[in-house]
């Protein structure tokens, strides 16, 4: 008797599985476009969220570490191509006199070193863009350089700016 109960139970379970499978099959065939559209929408929603998170993540910038106070010898550069952080020293007056930089040119050069564009420098100093371009070309002439990066590097090396 228990054997026949197990057989009938397995047969009913198999029949139930078959009916559920047919129900899903007909459901998918009747609504195939909706199911595929929903799956595609989920995929693109996930891709959009992932891309937004990837693009919105702020980029981390490395900065050169200042040299220890007890270091003997020349400073070691932490990142190649960048100058080590300098302390707040007063500009070398002898070098300023040698190159003939005016106070305004020194100020423009300092703002260039901070990474500001010509327009940002003009806005900060309340002068026109052409005035800043003129100051820039005079600075390049006096320092005998061709680019902003060269002017900033040379002025830091010669301690013309902070």
N, C-alpha and C. Protein backbone atom coordinates (compact mmCIF):
# COMPACT_ATOMS: atom_id res chain seq x y z
N UNK A 1 0.81 -1.18 0.00
CA UNK A 1 0.00 0.00 0.00
C UNK A 1 0.87 1.26 0.00
N UNK A 2 1.92 1.30 0.75
CA UNK A 2 2.77 2.49 0.78
C UNK A 2 3.47 2.68 -0.56
N UNK A 3 3.72 1.58 -1.24
CA UNK A 3 4.38 1.69 -2.55
C UNK A 3 3.46 2.38 -3.53
N UNK A 4 2.20 2.05 -3.56
CA UNK A 4 1.26 2.66 -4.50
C UNK A 4 1.04 4.13 -4.17
N UNK A 5 1.09 4.50 -2.88
CA UNK A 5 0.95 5.91 -2.49
C UNK A 5 2.14 6.71 -3.02
N UNK A 6 3.32 6.16 -2.92
CA UNK A 6 4.53 6.85 -3.41
C UNK A 6 4.44 7.00 -4.92
N UNK A 7 4.00 5.99 -5.63
CA UNK A 7 3.90 6.06 -7.09
C UNK A 7 2.88 7.12 -7.49
N UNK A 8 1.68 7.11 -6.85
CA UNK A 8 0.66 8.10 -7.16
C UNK A 8 1.17 9.52 -6.82
N UNK A 9 1.87 9.68 -5.73
CA UNK A 9 2.41 10.98 -5.34
C UNK A 9 3.43 11.48 -6.36
N UNK A 10 4.32 10.62 -6.81
CA UNK A 10 5.32 11.01 -7.82
C UNK A 10 4.65 11.35 -9.14
N UNK A 11 3.60 10.57 -9.52
CA UNK A 11 2.88 10.85 -10.77
C UNK A 11 2.20 12.21 -10.70
N UNK A 12 1.57 12.52 -9.57
CA UNK A 12 0.90 13.82 -9.43
C UNK A 12 1.92 14.96 -9.42
N UNK A 13 3.07 14.76 -8.80
CA UNK A 13 4.12 15.78 -8.80
C UNK A 13 4.63 16.03 -10.22
N UNK A 14 4.85 14.95 -10.98
CA UNK A 14 5.31 15.09 -12.36
C UNK A 14 4.27 15.80 -13.20
N UNK A 15 2.96 15.45 -12.99
CA UNK A 15 1.90 16.11 -13.73
C UNK A 15 1.82 17.59 -13.38
N UNK A 16 1.99 17.93 -12.11
CA UNK A 16 1.98 19.33 -11.68
C UNK A 16 3.14 20.10 -12.30
N UNK A 17 4.33 19.50 -12.32
CA UNK A 17 5.51 20.14 -12.94
C UNK A 17 5.27 20.37 -14.42
N UNK A 18 4.68 19.36 -15.11
CA UNK A 18 4.39 19.48 -16.54
C UNK A 18 3.40 20.62 -16.79
N UNK A 19 2.35 20.71 -15.97
CA UNK A 19 1.35 21.76 -16.15
C UNK A 19 1.95 23.16 -15.91
N UNK A 20 2.78 23.28 -14.89
CA UNK A 20 3.44 24.57 -14.63
C UNK A 20 4.37 24.96 -15.78
N UNK A 21 5.09 23.96 -16.29
CA UNK A 21 6.00 24.23 -17.41
C UNK A 21 5.21 24.69 -18.63
N UNK A 22 4.08 24.06 -18.92
CA UNK A 22 3.25 24.46 -20.05
C UNK A 22 2.65 25.85 -19.83
N UNK A 23 2.28 26.13 -18.60
CA UNK A 23 1.73 27.45 -18.29
C UNK A 23 2.77 28.55 -18.56
N UNK A 24 3.99 28.35 -18.10
CA UNK A 24 5.07 29.31 -18.34
C UNK A 24 5.38 29.41 -19.82
N UNK A 25 5.37 28.27 -20.51
CA UNK A 25 5.67 28.26 -21.95
C UNK A 25 4.63 29.09 -22.70
N UNK A 26 3.34 28.86 -22.40
CA UNK A 26 2.30 29.63 -23.08
C UNK A 26 2.34 31.10 -22.67
N UNK A 27 2.67 31.35 -21.42
CA UNK A 27 2.79 32.73 -20.96
C UNK A 27 3.90 33.45 -21.72
N UNK A 28 5.04 32.78 -21.90
CA UNK A 28 6.15 33.38 -22.62
C UNK A 28 5.81 33.57 -24.10
N UNK A 29 5.12 32.61 -24.71
CA UNK A 29 4.77 32.75 -26.12
C UNK A 29 3.74 33.84 -26.33
N UNK A 30 2.77 33.95 -25.42
CA UNK A 30 1.73 34.97 -25.57
C UNK A 30 2.26 36.37 -25.31
N UNK A 31 3.22 36.49 -24.42
CA UNK A 31 3.74 37.81 -24.03
C UNK A 31 5.24 37.90 -24.27
N UNK A 32 5.72 37.34 -25.35
CA UNK A 32 7.16 37.30 -25.62
C UNK A 32 7.75 38.70 -25.76
N UNK A 33 7.07 39.59 -26.46
CA UNK A 33 7.61 40.93 -26.68
C UNK A 33 7.75 41.67 -25.35
N UNK A 34 6.74 41.56 -24.48
CA UNK A 34 6.80 42.23 -23.20
C UNK A 34 7.92 41.69 -22.32
N UNK A 35 8.09 40.36 -22.33
CA UNK A 35 9.13 39.74 -21.51
C UNK A 35 10.51 40.16 -22.01
N UNK A 36 10.73 40.10 -23.33
CA UNK A 36 12.03 40.49 -23.87
C UNK A 36 12.29 41.98 -23.69
N UNK A 37 11.26 42.81 -23.86
CA UNK A 37 11.43 44.25 -23.66
C UNK A 37 11.77 44.56 -22.20
N UNK A 38 11.10 43.87 -21.28
CA UNK A 38 11.40 44.07 -19.85
C UNK A 38 12.81 43.65 -19.51
N UNK A 39 13.25 42.52 -20.05
CA UNK A 39 14.62 42.06 -19.79
C UNK A 39 15.64 43.04 -20.36
N UNK A 40 15.38 43.53 -21.56
CA UNK A 40 16.28 44.50 -22.19
C UNK A 40 16.30 45.81 -21.39
N UNK A 41 15.14 46.24 -20.89
CA UNK A 41 15.08 47.46 -20.08
C UNK A 41 15.87 47.29 -18.79
N UNK A 42 15.78 46.14 -18.16
CA UNK A 42 16.56 45.89 -16.93
C UNK A 42 18.05 45.91 -17.20
N UNK A 43 18.46 45.33 -18.32
CA UNK A 43 19.89 45.31 -18.67
C UNK A 43 20.40 46.75 -18.89
N UNK A 44 19.65 47.54 -19.66
CA UNK A 44 20.11 48.90 -19.93
C UNK A 44 20.02 49.80 -18.69
N UNK A 45 19.05 49.56 -17.83
CA UNK A 45 18.98 50.32 -16.58
C UNK A 45 20.20 50.03 -15.72
N UNK A 46 20.55 48.77 -15.59
CA UNK A 46 21.74 48.40 -14.83
C UNK A 46 23.00 48.99 -15.44
N UNK A 47 23.11 48.94 -16.77
CA UNK A 47 24.27 49.51 -17.45
C UNK A 47 24.34 51.02 -17.24
N UNK A 48 23.20 51.70 -17.28
CA UNK A 48 23.17 53.15 -17.06
C UNK A 48 23.58 53.53 -15.66
N UNK A 49 23.11 52.77 -14.67
CA UNK A 49 23.49 53.05 -13.28
C UNK A 49 24.98 52.83 -13.08
N UNK A 50 25.50 51.74 -13.63
CA UNK A 50 26.94 51.45 -13.50
C UNK A 50 27.77 52.55 -14.16
N UNK A 51 27.37 52.98 -15.36
CA UNK A 51 28.12 54.00 -16.08
C UNK A 51 28.06 55.34 -15.34
N UNK A 52 26.90 55.69 -14.79
CA UNK A 52 26.78 56.94 -14.04
C UNK A 52 27.67 56.94 -12.81
N UNK A 53 27.71 55.81 -12.11
CA UNK A 53 28.58 55.72 -10.93
C UNK A 53 30.05 55.80 -11.33
N UNK A 54 30.40 55.20 -12.45
CA UNK A 54 31.78 55.19 -12.92
C UNK A 54 32.22 56.61 -13.32
N UNK A 55 31.35 57.34 -14.00
CA UNK A 55 31.70 58.69 -14.47
C UNK A 55 31.64 59.73 -13.36
N UNK A 56 30.79 59.52 -12.38
CA UNK A 56 30.62 60.51 -11.31
C UNK A 56 31.66 60.37 -10.21
N UNK A 57 32.43 59.29 -10.22
CA UNK A 57 33.43 59.08 -9.17
C UNK A 57 34.55 60.11 -9.31
N UNK A 58 34.87 60.86 -8.26
CA UNK A 58 35.94 61.85 -8.37
C UNK A 58 37.29 61.18 -8.53
N UNK A 59 38.12 61.81 -9.33
CA UNK A 59 39.47 61.28 -9.54
C UNK A 59 40.38 61.76 -8.42
N UNK A 60 41.19 60.87 -7.92
CA UNK A 60 42.10 61.19 -6.83
C UNK A 60 43.42 61.63 -7.45
N UNK A 61 43.91 62.77 -7.00
CA UNK A 61 45.19 63.28 -7.48
C UNK A 61 46.25 63.09 -6.43
N UNK A 62 47.43 62.67 -6.89
CA UNK A 62 48.55 62.53 -5.96
C UNK A 62 49.28 63.86 -5.89
N UNK A 63 49.72 64.21 -4.70
CA UNK A 63 50.48 65.43 -4.53
C UNK A 63 51.87 65.08 -4.03
N UNK A 64 52.82 65.91 -4.39
CA UNK A 64 54.18 65.69 -3.92
C UNK A 64 54.23 65.96 -2.42
N UNK A 65 54.93 65.11 -1.69
CA UNK A 65 55.07 65.28 -0.25
C UNK A 65 56.20 66.25 0.04
N UNK A 66 56.02 67.15 1.02
CA UNK A 66 57.11 68.07 1.35
C UNK A 66 58.29 67.31 1.95
N UNK A 67 59.46 67.82 1.73
CA UNK A 67 60.66 67.18 2.25
C UNK A 67 60.71 67.34 3.76
N UNK A 68 61.20 66.33 4.47
CA UNK A 68 61.33 66.45 5.92
C UNK A 68 62.28 67.60 6.28
N UNK A 69 62.05 68.23 7.43
CA UNK A 69 62.85 69.39 7.84
C UNK A 69 64.31 69.03 8.12
N UNK A 70 64.54 67.76 8.55
CA UNK A 70 65.91 67.38 8.89
C UNK A 70 66.65 66.74 7.72
N UNK A 71 66.09 66.82 6.52
CA UNK A 71 66.72 66.19 5.36
C UNK A 71 67.96 66.98 4.96
N UNK A 72 69.03 66.27 4.66
CA UNK A 72 70.27 66.88 4.22
C UNK A 72 70.40 66.61 2.73
N UNK A 73 70.78 67.61 1.97
CA UNK A 73 70.95 67.44 0.54
C UNK A 73 69.73 67.91 -0.22
N UNK A 74 69.77 67.68 -1.55
CA UNK A 74 68.66 68.17 -2.37
C UNK A 74 67.38 67.38 -2.08
N UNK A 75 66.21 68.01 -2.27
CA UNK A 75 64.96 67.31 -2.00
C UNK A 75 64.73 66.20 -3.01
N UNK A 76 64.10 65.13 -2.55
CA UNK A 76 63.78 64.00 -3.40
C UNK A 76 62.38 64.24 -3.94
N UNK A 77 62.21 64.07 -5.25
CA UNK A 77 60.91 64.33 -5.86
C UNK A 77 60.02 63.12 -5.64
N UNK A 78 58.80 63.36 -5.15
CA UNK A 78 57.85 62.28 -4.88
C UNK A 78 57.20 61.80 -6.16
N UNK A 79 56.92 62.71 -7.08
CA UNK A 79 56.30 62.34 -8.34
C UNK A 79 57.15 62.97 -9.44
N UNK A 80 57.52 62.16 -10.42
CA UNK A 80 58.41 62.64 -11.46
C UNK A 80 57.75 63.77 -12.24
N UNK A 81 58.48 64.83 -12.48
CA UNK A 81 57.99 65.94 -13.27
C UNK A 81 57.36 67.05 -12.44
N UNK A 82 57.19 66.84 -11.14
CA UNK A 82 56.62 67.87 -10.30
C UNK A 82 57.67 68.38 -9.34
N UNK A 83 57.52 69.64 -8.98
CA UNK A 83 58.44 70.21 -8.01
C UNK A 83 57.99 69.82 -6.62
N UNK A 84 58.92 69.61 -5.72
CA UNK A 84 58.52 69.33 -4.35
C UNK A 84 57.84 70.55 -3.74
N UNK A 85 56.98 70.29 -2.78
CA UNK A 85 56.28 71.40 -2.13
C UNK A 85 57.29 72.29 -1.43
N UNK A 86 57.13 73.59 -1.61
CA UNK A 86 58.07 74.53 -1.01
C UNK A 86 57.41 75.20 0.18
N UNK A 87 58.21 75.65 1.07
CA UNK A 87 57.67 76.34 2.24
C UNK A 87 57.32 77.77 1.84
N UNK A 88 56.63 78.47 2.72
CA UNK A 88 56.26 79.86 2.44
C UNK A 88 57.48 80.74 2.68
N UNK A 89 58.30 80.86 1.66
CA UNK A 89 59.50 81.68 1.76
C UNK A 89 59.25 82.99 1.03
N UNK A 90 59.99 83.97 1.39
CA UNK A 90 59.89 85.26 0.70
C UNK A 90 60.67 85.14 -0.61
N UNK A 91 60.15 85.75 -1.66
CA UNK A 91 60.87 85.71 -2.93
C UNK A 91 62.25 86.35 -2.80
N UNK A 92 63.18 85.86 -3.56
CA UNK A 92 64.56 86.35 -3.54
C UNK A 92 64.59 87.71 -4.26
N UNK A 93 64.82 88.76 -3.50
CA UNK A 93 64.79 90.13 -4.04
C UNK A 93 65.90 90.35 -5.07
N UNK A 94 67.06 89.71 -4.87
CA UNK A 94 68.17 89.86 -5.83
C UNK A 94 67.78 89.29 -7.19
N UNK A 95 67.13 88.13 -7.18
CA UNK A 95 66.71 87.51 -8.43
C UNK A 95 65.60 88.33 -9.10
N UNK A 96 64.68 88.86 -8.29
CA UNK A 96 63.62 89.70 -8.86
C UNK A 96 64.23 90.93 -9.55
N UNK A 97 65.23 91.53 -8.90
CA UNK A 97 65.87 92.70 -9.49
C UNK A 97 66.64 92.31 -10.75
N UNK A 98 67.26 91.14 -10.74
CA UNK A 98 68.04 90.70 -11.90
C UNK A 98 67.15 90.50 -13.13
N UNK A 99 65.96 89.95 -12.93
CA UNK A 99 65.06 89.71 -14.06
C UNK A 99 64.15 90.91 -14.33
N UNK A 100 64.05 91.84 -13.41
CA UNK A 100 63.27 93.05 -13.62
C UNK A 100 61.76 92.80 -13.62
N UNK A 101 61.30 91.84 -12.83
CA UNK A 101 59.86 91.56 -12.76
C UNK A 101 59.18 92.60 -11.87
N UNK A 102 58.10 93.19 -12.38
CA UNK A 102 57.34 94.15 -11.57
C UNK A 102 56.49 93.37 -10.56
N UNK A 103 55.91 94.11 -9.63
CA UNK A 103 55.06 93.47 -8.62
C UNK A 103 53.85 92.79 -9.26
N UNK A 104 53.26 93.44 -10.27
CA UNK A 104 52.09 92.87 -10.93
C UNK A 104 52.47 91.63 -11.73
N UNK A 105 53.64 91.68 -12.39
CA UNK A 105 54.10 90.50 -13.13
C UNK A 105 54.38 89.34 -12.17
N UNK A 106 54.93 89.65 -11.03
CA UNK A 106 55.18 88.61 -10.02
C UNK A 106 53.85 88.02 -9.54
N UNK A 107 52.85 88.88 -9.38
CA UNK A 107 51.53 88.42 -8.95
C UNK A 107 50.89 87.52 -10.02
N UNK A 108 51.00 87.91 -11.28
CA UNK A 108 50.46 87.10 -12.38
C UNK A 108 51.21 85.77 -12.45
N UNK A 109 52.51 85.81 -12.27
CA UNK A 109 53.30 84.58 -12.29
C UNK A 109 52.91 83.65 -11.15
N UNK A 110 52.63 84.19 -9.98
CA UNK A 110 52.19 83.39 -8.84
C UNK A 110 50.84 82.72 -9.15
N UNK A 111 49.93 83.45 -9.76
CA UNK A 111 48.62 82.88 -10.11
C UNK A 111 48.75 81.83 -11.22
N UNK A 112 49.69 82.03 -12.13
CA UNK A 112 49.97 81.00 -13.15
C UNK A 112 50.45 79.73 -12.47
N UNK A 113 51.30 79.89 -11.46
CA UNK A 113 51.84 78.73 -10.73
C UNK A 113 50.74 77.99 -9.99
N UNK A 114 49.68 78.69 -9.60
CA UNK A 114 48.55 78.06 -8.93
C UNK A 114 47.65 77.33 -9.90
N UNK A 115 47.94 77.45 -11.22
CA UNK A 115 47.19 76.70 -12.23
C UNK A 115 45.99 77.43 -12.80
N UNK A 116 45.89 78.73 -12.57
CA UNK A 116 44.75 79.48 -13.09
C UNK A 116 44.95 79.80 -14.57
N UNK A 117 43.85 79.85 -15.29
CA UNK A 117 43.90 80.24 -16.70
C UNK A 117 44.02 81.76 -16.79
N UNK A 118 44.30 82.25 -18.00
CA UNK A 118 44.41 83.70 -18.19
C UNK A 118 43.12 84.40 -17.80
N UNK A 119 41.98 83.81 -18.19
CA UNK A 119 40.68 84.43 -17.86
C UNK A 119 40.46 84.45 -16.36
N UNK A 120 40.82 83.38 -15.66
CA UNK A 120 40.65 83.33 -14.21
C UNK A 120 41.56 84.35 -13.52
N UNK A 121 42.77 84.51 -14.04
CA UNK A 121 43.69 85.51 -13.48
C UNK A 121 43.12 86.92 -13.69
N UNK A 122 42.60 87.16 -14.89
CA UNK A 122 42.02 88.48 -15.19
C UNK A 122 40.84 88.76 -14.27
N UNK A 123 40.01 87.76 -14.04
CA UNK A 123 38.86 87.95 -13.14
C UNK A 123 39.31 88.23 -11.72
N UNK A 124 40.33 87.52 -11.27
CA UNK A 124 40.79 87.69 -9.90
C UNK A 124 41.45 89.05 -9.68
N UNK A 125 42.18 89.54 -10.69
CA UNK A 125 42.89 90.81 -10.56
C UNK A 125 42.07 92.00 -11.06
N UNK A 126 40.85 91.74 -11.55
CA UNK A 126 39.95 92.79 -12.05
C UNK A 126 40.59 93.59 -13.18
N UNK A 127 41.20 92.89 -14.12
CA UNK A 127 41.76 93.52 -15.31
C UNK A 127 41.25 92.76 -16.53
N UNK A 128 41.57 93.27 -17.72
CA UNK A 128 41.10 92.61 -18.94
C UNK A 128 41.99 91.41 -19.27
N UNK A 129 41.45 90.56 -20.12
CA UNK A 129 42.20 89.38 -20.57
C UNK A 129 43.45 89.79 -21.34
N UNK A 130 43.33 90.84 -22.15
CA UNK A 130 44.48 91.32 -22.92
C UNK A 130 45.61 91.81 -22.01
N UNK A 131 45.26 92.41 -20.89
CA UNK A 131 46.28 92.86 -19.94
C UNK A 131 47.06 91.66 -19.40
N UNK A 132 46.36 90.59 -19.07
CA UNK A 132 47.03 89.39 -18.56
C UNK A 132 47.90 88.77 -19.63
N UNK A 133 47.41 88.76 -20.86
CA UNK A 133 48.24 88.21 -21.95
C UNK A 133 49.50 89.03 -22.15
N UNK A 134 49.38 90.36 -22.01
CA UNK A 134 50.55 91.22 -22.13
C UNK A 134 51.54 90.95 -21.00
N UNK A 135 51.02 90.86 -19.77
CA UNK A 135 51.90 90.53 -18.64
C UNK A 135 52.57 89.19 -18.88
N UNK A 136 51.82 88.22 -19.38
CA UNK A 136 52.38 86.88 -19.64
C UNK A 136 53.50 86.92 -20.66
N UNK A 137 53.30 87.64 -21.74
CA UNK A 137 54.35 87.70 -22.76
C UNK A 137 55.60 88.43 -22.24
N UNK A 138 55.41 89.44 -21.41
CA UNK A 138 56.57 90.13 -20.82
C UNK A 138 57.32 89.22 -19.83
N UNK A 139 56.55 88.44 -19.08
CA UNK A 139 57.18 87.48 -18.15
C UNK A 139 58.01 86.47 -18.94
N UNK A 140 57.43 85.95 -20.03
CA UNK A 140 58.16 84.97 -20.85
C UNK A 140 59.44 85.58 -21.42
N UNK A 141 59.34 86.83 -21.85
CA UNK A 141 60.51 87.53 -22.38
C UNK A 141 61.60 87.69 -21.32
N UNK A 142 61.21 88.16 -20.16
CA UNK A 142 62.18 88.44 -19.10
C UNK A 142 62.81 87.16 -18.57
N UNK A 143 62.04 86.07 -18.50
CA UNK A 143 62.59 84.81 -18.00
C UNK A 143 63.22 83.97 -19.11
N UNK A 144 63.10 84.43 -20.35
CA UNK A 144 63.64 83.73 -21.52
C UNK A 144 63.08 82.31 -21.62
N UNK A 145 61.75 82.22 -21.61
CA UNK A 145 61.05 80.93 -21.75
C UNK A 145 59.97 81.10 -22.82
N UNK A 146 59.41 79.96 -23.24
CA UNK A 146 58.39 79.99 -24.29
C UNK A 146 57.01 79.58 -23.79
N UNK A 147 56.93 78.87 -22.66
CA UNK A 147 55.65 78.35 -22.17
C UNK A 147 55.43 78.70 -20.71
N UNK A 148 54.16 78.62 -20.29
CA UNK A 148 53.79 78.89 -18.89
C UNK A 148 54.49 77.91 -17.95
N UNK A 149 54.50 76.63 -18.36
CA UNK A 149 55.11 75.63 -17.48
C UNK A 149 56.58 75.90 -17.26
N UNK A 150 57.26 76.34 -18.32
CA UNK A 150 58.68 76.67 -18.19
C UNK A 150 58.87 77.88 -17.28
N UNK A 151 57.98 78.87 -17.42
CA UNK A 151 58.08 80.08 -16.60
C UNK A 151 57.86 79.74 -15.13
N UNK A 152 56.87 78.91 -14.85
CA UNK A 152 56.58 78.54 -13.46
C UNK A 152 57.73 77.73 -12.88
N UNK A 153 58.23 76.78 -13.63
CA UNK A 153 59.33 75.94 -13.14
C UNK A 153 60.58 76.78 -12.86
N UNK A 154 60.90 77.66 -13.79
CA UNK A 154 62.10 78.49 -13.61
C UNK A 154 61.94 79.47 -12.46
N UNK A 155 60.76 80.06 -12.32
CA UNK A 155 60.55 81.02 -11.24
C UNK A 155 60.57 80.35 -9.88
N UNK A 156 60.08 79.11 -9.80
CA UNK A 156 60.14 78.39 -8.52
C UNK A 156 61.59 78.01 -8.20
N UNK A 157 62.30 77.56 -9.23
CA UNK A 157 63.68 77.15 -9.02
C UNK A 157 64.53 78.34 -8.56
N UNK A 158 64.26 79.52 -9.13
CA UNK A 158 65.02 80.72 -8.78
C UNK A 158 64.43 81.47 -7.59
N UNK A 159 63.36 80.93 -7.03
CA UNK A 159 62.66 81.51 -5.88
C UNK A 159 62.17 82.92 -6.17
N UNK A 160 61.57 83.08 -7.36
CA UNK A 160 60.96 84.36 -7.70
C UNK A 160 59.53 84.44 -7.15
N UNK A 161 58.94 83.28 -6.94
CA UNK A 161 57.58 83.21 -6.37
C UNK A 161 57.58 82.16 -5.27
N UNK A 162 56.50 82.15 -4.51
CA UNK A 162 56.37 81.19 -3.40
C UNK A 162 56.08 79.83 -3.94
